[in-house]
Protein backbone atom coordinates (compact mmCIF):
# COMPACT_ATOMS: atom_id res chain seq x y z
CA UNK A 1 -0.23 -0.30 -0.17
CA UNK A 2 1.83 3.24 -1.19
CA UNK A 3 1.56 6.43 1.05
CA UNK A 4 -0.70 8.02 -1.17
CA UNK A 5 -3.07 5.38 -1.13
CA UNK A 6 -3.06 5.63 2.57
CA UNK A 7 -2.79 9.57 3.11
CA UNK A 8 -4.37 11.07 0.64
CA UNK A 9 -2.39 14.60 0.14
CA UNK A 10 -2.22 15.10 4.41
CA UNK A 11 1.01 14.12 3.82
CA UNK A 12 2.19 16.55 1.66
CA UNK A 13 -0.24 18.60 3.53
CA UNK A 14 1.81 17.95 7.22
CA UNK A 15 5.30 18.36 4.78
CA UNK A 16 3.59 22.42 4.03
CA UNK A 17 3.11 23.17 7.22
CA UNK A 18 5.72 22.28 9.07
CA UNK A 19 8.00 24.79 6.74
CA UNK A 20 5.07 26.83 6.84
CA UNK A 21 5.47 27.38 10.13
CA UNK A 22 9.48 27.47 10.22
CA UNK A 23 8.99 30.56 8.21
CA UNK A 24 6.49 32.73 10.38
CA UNK A 25 8.99 31.79 12.95
CA UNK A 26 11.54 33.04 11.28
CA UNK A 27 9.50 36.35 10.42
CA UNK A 28 8.53 36.90 13.65
CA UNK A 29 12.25 36.33 15.41
CA UNK A 30 13.41 39.26 12.79
CA UNK A 31 10.57 41.09 13.81
CA UNK A 32 13.22 44.42 15.10
CA UNK A 33 15.64 43.38 12.20
CA UNK A 34 16.13 46.39 10.16
CA UNK A 35 15.27 45.95 6.62
CA UNK A 36 13.90 42.11 7.19
CA UNK A 37 11.49 41.56 4.44
CA UNK A 38 8.24 38.97 5.75
CA UNK A 39 7.79 36.07 3.43
CA UNK A 40 5.19 33.31 2.99
CA UNK A 41 4.12 31.28 0.93
CA UNK A 42 1.13 30.59 -0.53
CA UNK A 43 -0.05 26.78 0.93
CA UNK A 44 -2.81 25.86 -1.61
CA UNK A 45 -0.70 26.73 -3.92
CA UNK A 46 1.98 24.44 -3.01
CA UNK A 47 -0.23 22.11 -2.14
CA UNK A 48 -2.01 21.52 -6.20
CA UNK A 49 2.44 21.37 -6.82
CA UNK A 50 3.32 19.20 -4.55
CA UNK A 51 0.14 15.94 -5.17
CA UNK A 52 -0.77 17.17 -9.15
CA UNK A 53 -0.22 15.68 -12.01
CA UNK A 54 3.86 17.08 -11.85
CA UNK A 55 4.14 16.16 -8.37
CA UNK A 56 7.22 17.85 -7.14
CA UNK A 57 9.21 17.98 -3.23
CA UNK A 58 7.23 19.49 -0.91
CA UNK A 59 9.82 21.84 -0.71
CA UNK A 60 10.22 22.80 -4.68
CA UNK A 61 6.71 23.22 -4.38
CA UNK A 62 6.82 25.66 -1.33
CA UNK A 63 9.52 27.30 -3.10
CA UNK A 64 7.75 27.87 -5.92
CA UNK A 65 4.50 29.48 -4.32
CA UNK A 66 6.58 31.75 -2.35
CA UNK A 67 6.50 35.21 -1.75
CA UNK A 68 7.77 38.03 0.12
CA UNK A 69 4.18 39.71 2.62
CA UNK A 70 3.31 43.59 1.48
CA UNK A 71 2.94 45.44 5.05
CA UNK A 72 -1.02 48.00 5.40
CA UNK A 73 2.09 50.13 6.73
CA UNK A 74 5.50 49.64 6.68
CA UNK A 75 8.39 50.63 9.13
CA UNK A 76 10.79 53.31 8.73
CA UNK A 77 13.33 50.21 8.99
CA UNK A 78 12.50 49.33 6.03
CA UNK A 79 11.11 45.93 7.64
CA UNK A 80 8.13 44.54 6.65
CA UNK A 81 6.81 42.05 9.87
CA UNK A 82 4.01 42.92 11.45
CA UNK A 83 3.85 40.88 14.16
CA UNK A 84 0.08 40.76 14.79
CA UNK A 85 -0.78 39.56 11.30
CA UNK A 86 2.64 36.98 11.52
CA UNK A 87 0.96 35.73 15.06
CA UNK A 88 -2.38 35.60 13.51
CA UNK A 89 -1.07 33.80 10.64
CA UNK A 90 1.23 31.31 12.83
CA UNK A 91 -1.48 30.10 15.19
CA UNK A 92 -3.94 28.96 11.81
CA UNK A 93 -1.08 27.61 10.74
CA UNK A 94 -0.71 25.36 14.07
CA UNK A 95 -4.06 24.75 14.48
CA UNK A 96 -4.48 23.41 10.73
CA UNK A 97 -0.90 21.58 10.92
CA UNK A 98 -2.63 20.10 14.46
CA UNK A 99 -5.99 18.71 13.02
CA UNK A 100 -3.70 16.88 10.09
CA UNK A 101 -1.56 15.73 12.43
CA UNK A 102 -4.72 13.94 14.38
CA UNK A 103 -6.20 13.04 10.45
CA UNK A 104 -2.85 11.14 9.60
CA UNK A 105 -2.41 9.59 13.90
CA UNK A 106 -5.97 8.50 12.68
CA UNK A 107 -5.43 6.70 9.53
CA UNK A 108 -2.43 4.98 11.11
CA UNK A 109 -4.83 4.00 13.84
CA UNK A 110 -7.04 2.61 11.96
CA UNK A 111 -4.39 0.67 9.87
CA UNK A 112 -3.29 -0.65 13.33
CA UNK A 113 -6.54 -1.93 14.22
CA UNK A 114 -6.65 -3.96 10.73
CA UNK A 115 -3.08 -5.46 11.64
CA UNK A 116 -3.76 -7.11 14.95
CA UNK A 117 -7.87 -7.85 13.94
CA UNK A 118 -8.67 -5.65 16.18
CA UNK A 119 -12.57 -5.15 16.08
């Protein structure tokens, strides 16, 4: 049984969510760095690239969907990180990451029960 048949798009989604979480954490960590440009990627576009007909690795898909965040109000030092926006995006991504992880754990538990013969 291949991973795609067992987990569907959720394996790629988990990897992309993890990469996005690291990127958003980097944005938050650099909120006070002069000239730092906040980056993010379009999750839906990256997931399509990672799971579509010409599927590519999650890293390549994330890089293809990468962009810079345009601030609502620019800072004097050229930093484009808006902490409330980044924190909100991070929290939303964390919830989605946890939901995907919970789904995958349920799939693994179901397979384990089937292998053990539990009813």
